[in-house]
Amino acid sequence: MSQTTRAHRMSQKAHKMGGQKMQLPFILAIFKAFMEDGKDIADYDVLAEITEEAGVMSKDQVRGFFFLWI
């Protein structure tokens, strides 16, 4: 089972940035990546890719965001 803390933090960030209009596409992308594609959503690179594709922030911004949590 994958650690989902990072995905939850990014979901909260998406909501703070754009409300449900930004959060919902991110959450749907996370579920698809994990449940359908079998990706490890705890991996920084995978999460950064999903976050960028969902339009929340760029991969570099994601890495900077999580650097604060390390």
Protein backbone atom coordinates (compact mmCIF):
# COMPACT_ATOMS: atom_id res chain seq x y z
CA MET A 1 0.00 0.00 0.00
CA SER A 2 1.23 3.47 -0.88
CA GLN A 3 1.73 6.33 1.55
CA THR A 4 -0.81 8.99 0.57
CA THR A 5 0.21 11.88 2.83
CA ARG A 6 1.86 13.81 -0.02
CA ALA A 7 -1.18 13.39 -2.26
CA HIS A 8 -3.44 14.62 0.54
CA ARG A 9 -1.24 17.66 1.10
CA MET A 10 -1.30 18.45 -2.60
CA SER A 11 -5.08 18.05 -2.64
CA GLN A 12 -5.36 20.61 0.15
CA LYS A 13 -3.00 22.93 -1.74
CA ALA A 14 -5.11 22.60 -4.91
CA HIS A 15 -8.21 23.53 -2.93
CA LYS A 16 -6.50 26.56 -1.38
CA MET A 17 -5.32 27.70 -4.80
CA GLY A 18 -8.54 27.27 -6.76
CA GLY A 19 -11.28 25.70 -4.70
CA GLN A 20 -13.13 22.64 -5.89
CA LYS A 21 -12.63 23.61 -9.54
CA MET A 22 -8.92 22.92 -9.13
CA GLN A 23 -9.11 20.20 -6.50
CA LEU A 24 -11.57 17.87 -8.24
CA PRO A 25 -9.48 17.31 -11.41
CA PHE A 26 -6.46 16.64 -9.22
CA ILE A 27 -8.31 14.09 -7.08
CA LEU A 28 -9.71 12.32 -10.14
CA ALA A 29 -6.21 12.17 -11.64
CA ILE A 30 -4.81 10.74 -8.40
CA PHE A 31 -7.48 8.03 -8.26
CA LYS A 32 -6.93 7.13 -11.91
CA ALA A 33 -3.16 6.99 -11.50
CA PHE A 34 -3.37 4.80 -8.41
CA MET A 35 -6.34 2.55 -9.10
CA GLU A 36 -6.32 2.20 -12.87
CA ASP A 37 -2.68 2.77 -13.83
CA GLY A 38 -1.08 1.22 -10.74
CA LYS A 39 1.25 4.18 -10.19
CA ASP A 40 2.92 4.91 -6.85
CA ILE A 41 1.33 8.22 -5.88
CA ALA A 42 3.78 8.56 -2.98
CA ASP A 43 6.66 8.94 -5.45
CA TYR A 44 7.61 12.62 -5.83
CA ASP A 45 8.09 12.40 -9.59
CA VAL A 46 4.79 10.60 -10.16
CA LEU A 47 2.94 13.08 -7.96
CA ALA A 48 4.62 16.03 -9.69
CA GLU A 49 3.57 14.68 -13.08
CA ILE A 50 -0.04 14.19 -11.97
CA THR A 51 -0.15 17.63 -10.36
CA GLU A 52 1.16 19.32 -13.50
CA GLU A 53 -1.23 17.41 -15.77
CA ALA A 54 -4.17 18.40 -13.54
CA GLY A 55 -3.17 22.06 -13.89
CA VAL A 56 -2.44 22.68 -10.22
CA MET A 57 1.23 23.68 -10.57
CA SER A 58 4.36 22.82 -12.51
CA LYS A 59 6.66 19.94 -11.64
CA ASP A 60 9.29 22.37 -10.34
CA GLN A 61 6.73 24.08 -8.12
CA VAL A 62 5.66 20.69 -6.74
CA ARG A 63 9.24 19.79 -5.88
CA GLY A 64 9.65 23.15 -4.13
CA PHE A 65 6.40 22.64 -2.24
CA PHE A 66 7.48 19.25 -0.92
CA PHE A 67 10.98 20.45 -0.15
CA LEU A 68 9.35 22.50 2.61
CA TRP A 69 7.95 19.29 4.16
CA ILE A 70 11.21 17.32 4.16
